[in-house]
Structure formats: C-alpha cells, structure tokens
C-alpha cells in the first residue's frame, strides 16, 4: 500500500490505465498498427504515381497507334525505323549514332 501512496490518484484510475493499454495495443501491437498504416500510405502514393505514369504512356501509345492507322507516311517511317524495312530498289545502310560517351572514352 505504501507503493500506491506515492502514485498520483489520476494514474491509479482504472479507466485511464485501460485506455492507455488499449491505445498501446492499437498503436504498436495490432496487425494494422501505426507504422504499418504509414507504410501502406506510402505504397499507395507510389502506386498512384505509377498508375498515372502508365495512363500517360497508354494515352501516348494510343495516339501513336491512331496516327499509324490514319497516316501512310507515318506508317512507312515507323516501319523503316523500327523494323529496318526498305523498298525493292534501294539499299539500307546502318550508321550507329555517335554519342558523347564514345568520344570521351577514346580521348582518355
């Protein structure tokens, strides 16, 4: 009893103790604790950003597809660039692109 006499009365309140234990369980020990919720919110933000990126990519690809369907010149250009197609009376020469890294490697 002497030990309980040193504890203030508001800390000995059984309702306050029950609320404190309940809050500790919810914040730290539950399967949906505070840290898990924060991590899930971060994942949700990343997934929403990823979704927006892919929606933009889909819109770009659809516009390119529609352009390929309606414009024969674009279709020919696409076939020449992507699939290296050529006409019967012409020769095709592949020239590698020269970027700045190759020049720096040679000079060093």
C-alpha atoms as a PDB file:
ATOM      1  CA  UNK A   1       0.000   0.000   0.000  1.00  0.00           C
ATOM      2  CA  UNK A   2       2.905   2.351   0.580  1.00  0.00           C
ATOM      3  CA  UNK A   3       3.872   1.977  -3.078  1.00  0.00           C
ATOM      4  CA  UNK A   4       0.416   3.017  -4.234  1.00  0.00           C
ATOM      5  CA  UNK A   5       0.513   6.049  -1.968  1.00  0.00           C
ATOM      6  CA  UNK A   6       3.369   7.548  -3.986  1.00  0.00           C
ATOM      7  CA  UNK A   7       1.493   7.235  -7.306  1.00  0.00           C
ATOM      8  CA  UNK A   8      -0.813  10.178  -8.041  1.00  0.00           C
ATOM      9  CA  UNK A   9      -4.522   9.429  -7.988  1.00  0.00           C
ATOM     10  CA  UNK A  10      -5.084  10.172 -11.677  1.00  0.00           C
ATOM     11  CA  UNK A  11      -2.505   7.484 -12.605  1.00  0.00           C
ATOM     12  CA  UNK A  12      -4.297   4.933 -10.405  1.00  0.00           C
ATOM     13  CA  UNK A  13      -7.543   5.454 -12.271  1.00  0.00           C
ATOM     14  CA  UNK A  14      -8.514   2.103 -13.799  1.00  0.00           C
ATOM     15  CA  UNK A  15     -10.193   3.739 -16.800  1.00  0.00           C
ATOM     16  CA  UNK A  16      -7.076   5.709 -17.664  1.00  0.00           C
ATOM     17  CA  UNK A  17      -4.967   2.567 -17.386  1.00  0.00           C
ATOM     18  CA  UNK A  18      -7.403   0.656 -19.636  1.00  0.00           C
ATOM     19  CA  UNK A  19      -7.397   3.444 -22.236  1.00  0.00           C
ATOM     20  CA  UNK A  20      -3.591   3.564 -22.133  1.00  0.00           C
ATOM     21  CA  UNK A  21      -3.260  -0.187 -22.642  1.00  0.00           C
ATOM     22  CA  UNK A  22      -5.844  -0.112 -25.430  1.00  0.00           C
ATOM     23  CA  UNK A  23      -4.023   2.769 -27.164  1.00  0.00           C
ATOM     24  CA  UNK A  24      -0.669   0.972 -26.860  1.00  0.00           C
ATOM     25  CA  UNK A  25      -2.131  -2.179 -28.397  1.00  0.00           C
ATOM     26  CA  UNK A  26      -3.649  -0.232 -31.279  1.00  0.00           C
ATOM     27  CA  UNK A  27      -0.536   1.855 -31.917  1.00  0.00           C
ATOM     28  CA  UNK A  28       2.146  -0.807 -31.628  1.00  0.00           C
ATOM     29  CA  UNK A  29       0.921  -4.384 -31.406  1.00  0.00           C
ATOM     30  CA  UNK A  30      -2.082  -4.644 -33.713  1.00  0.00           C
ATOM     31  CA  UNK A  31      -1.718  -6.037 -37.244  1.00  0.00           C
ATOM     32  CA  UNK A  32      -2.807  -2.617 -38.538  1.00  0.00           C
ATOM     33  CA  UNK A  33      -0.577  -0.588 -36.250  1.00  0.00           C
ATOM     34  CA  UNK A  34       0.532   2.976 -36.863  1.00  0.00           C
ATOM     35  CA  UNK A  35       3.762   2.063 -38.651  1.00  0.00           C
ATOM     36  CA  UNK A  36       2.018  -0.389 -40.974  1.00  0.00           C
ATOM     37  CA  UNK A  37      -0.566   2.247 -41.852  1.00  0.00           C
ATOM     38  CA  UNK A  38       2.158   4.783 -42.694  1.00  0.00           C
ATOM     39  CA  UNK A  39       3.950   2.226 -44.852  1.00  0.00           C
ATOM     40  CA  UNK A  40       0.720   1.380 -46.677  1.00  0.00           C
ATOM     41  CA  UNK A  41       0.013   5.050 -47.344  1.00  0.00           C
ATOM     42  CA  UNK A  42       3.479   5.398 -48.871  1.00  0.00           C
ATOM     43  CA  UNK A  43       2.878   2.337 -51.043  1.00  0.00           C
ATOM     44  CA  UNK A  44      -0.487   3.751 -52.104  1.00  0.00           C
ATOM     45  CA  UNK A  45       1.140   7.041 -53.143  1.00  0.00           C
ATOM     46  CA  UNK A  46       3.789   5.170 -55.147  1.00  0.00           C
ATOM     47  CA  UNK A  47       1.157   3.002 -56.831  1.00  0.00           C
ATOM     48  CA  UNK A  48      -0.934   6.044 -57.713  1.00  0.00           C
ATOM     49  CA  UNK A  49       2.104   7.736 -59.250  1.00  0.00           C
ATOM     50  CA  UNK A  50       2.897   4.560 -61.159  1.00  0.00           C
ATOM     51  CA  UNK A  51      -0.709   4.328 -62.345  1.00  0.00           C
ATOM     52  CA  UNK A  52      -0.600   7.913 -63.577  1.00  0.00           C
ATOM     53  CA  UNK A  53       2.658   7.241 -65.434  1.00  0.00           C
ATOM     54  CA  UNK A  54       1.207   4.184 -67.165  1.00  0.00           C
ATOM     55  CA  UNK A  55      -2.022   6.014 -68.001  1.00  0.00           C
ATOM     56  CA  UNK A  56       0.075   8.706 -69.711  1.00  0.00           C
ATOM     57  CA  UNK A  57       2.059   6.031 -71.568  1.00  0.00           C
ATOM     58  CA  UNK A  58      -1.162   4.363 -72.728  1.00  0.00           C
ATOM     59  CA  UNK A  59      -2.516   7.685 -73.994  1.00  0.00           C
ATOM     60  CA  UNK A  60       0.736   8.328 -75.883  1.00  0.00           C
ATOM     61  CA  UNK A  61       0.722   4.853 -77.424  1.00  0.00           C
ATOM     62  CA  UNK A  62      -2.935   5.168 -78.439  1.00  0.00           C
ATOM     63  CA  UNK A  63      -2.225   8.493 -80.133  1.00  0.00           C
ATOM     64  CA  UNK A  64       0.723   6.937 -81.971  1.00  0.00           C
ATOM     65  CA  UNK A  65      -1.407   3.950 -82.989  1.00  0.00           C
ATOM     66  CA  UNK A  66      -4.147   6.206 -84.308  1.00  0.00           C
ATOM     67  CA  UNK A  67      -1.549   8.193 -86.217  1.00  0.00           C
ATOM     68  CA  UNK A  68      -0.169   4.965 -87.717  1.00  0.00           C
ATOM     69  CA  UNK A  69      -3.654   3.863 -88.768  1.00  0.00           C
ATOM     70  CA  UNK A  70      -4.562   7.142 -90.462  1.00  0.00           C
ATOM     71  CA  UNK A  71      -1.293   8.415 -91.947  1.00  0.00           C
ATOM     72  CA  UNK A  72       0.543   6.216 -94.501  1.00  0.00           C
ATOM     73  CA  UNK A  73       3.688   8.370 -94.338  1.00  0.00           C
ATOM     74  CA  UNK A  74       3.935   7.799 -90.596  1.00  0.00           C
ATOM     75  CA  UNK A  75       3.412   4.080 -91.081  1.00  0.00           C
ATOM     76  CA  UNK A  76       6.246   3.966 -93.632  1.00  0.00           C
ATOM     77  CA  UNK A  77       8.532   5.965 -91.350  1.00  0.00           C
ATOM     78  CA  UNK A  78       7.744   3.655 -88.413  1.00  0.00           C
ATOM     79  CA  UNK A  79       8.395   0.527 -90.496  1.00  0.00           C
ATOM     80  CA  UNK A  80      11.716   1.914 -91.739  1.00  0.00           C
ATOM     81  CA  UNK A  81      12.933   2.966 -88.284  1.00  0.00           C
ATOM     82  CA  UNK A  82      11.702   0.112 -86.134  1.00  0.00           C
ATOM     83  CA  UNK A  83      11.822  -2.867 -88.476  1.00  0.00           C
ATOM     84  CA  UNK A  84      14.546  -1.712 -90.911  1.00  0.00           C
ATOM     85  CA  UNK A  85      12.287  -2.252 -93.919  1.00  0.00           C
ATOM     86  CA  UNK A  86      13.244  -0.886 -97.321  1.00  0.00           C
ATOM     87  CA  UNK A  87      11.883  -0.564-100.808  1.00  0.00           C
ATOM     88  CA  UNK A  88      12.894  -3.013-103.530  1.00  0.00           C
ATOM     89  CA  UNK A  89      15.120  -0.563-105.413  1.00  0.00           C
ATOM     90  CA  UNK A  90      17.125   0.868-102.514  1.00  0.00           C
ATOM     91  CA  UNK A  91      19.943  -0.216-100.232  1.00  0.00           C
ATOM     92  CA  UNK A  92      19.923   0.168 -96.478  1.00  0.00           C
ATOM     93  CA  UNK A  93      22.997   1.336 -94.562  1.00  0.00           C
ATOM     94  CA  UNK A  94      23.012   1.306 -90.782  1.00  0.00           C
ATOM     95  CA  UNK A  95      25.058   4.083 -89.248  1.00  0.00           C
ATOM     96  CA  UNK A  96      25.492   3.889 -85.468  1.00  0.00           C
ATOM     97  CA  UNK A  97      24.674   7.029 -83.574  1.00  0.00           C
ATOM     98  CA  UNK A  98      27.680   8.843 -82.181  1.00  0.00           C
ATOM     99  CA  UNK A  99      27.070   9.956 -78.602  1.00  0.00           C
ATOM    100  CA  UNK A 100      29.400  11.938 -76.347  1.00  0.00           C
ATOM    101  CA  UNK A 101      30.483   8.966 -74.254  1.00  0.00           C
ATOM    102  CA  UNK A 102      32.295   7.231 -77.112  1.00  0.00           C
ATOM    103  CA  UNK A 103      34.346  10.351 -77.868  1.00  0.00           C
ATOM    104  CA  UNK A 104      35.317  10.752 -74.219  1.00  0.00           C
ATOM    105  CA  UNK A 105      36.399   7.125 -73.960  1.00  0.00           C
ATOM    106  CA  UNK A 106      38.642   7.439 -76.994  1.00  0.00           C
ATOM    107  CA  UNK A 107      40.359  10.641 -75.835  1.00  0.00           C
ATOM    108  CA  UNK A 108      41.187   9.368 -72.347  1.00  0.00           C
END
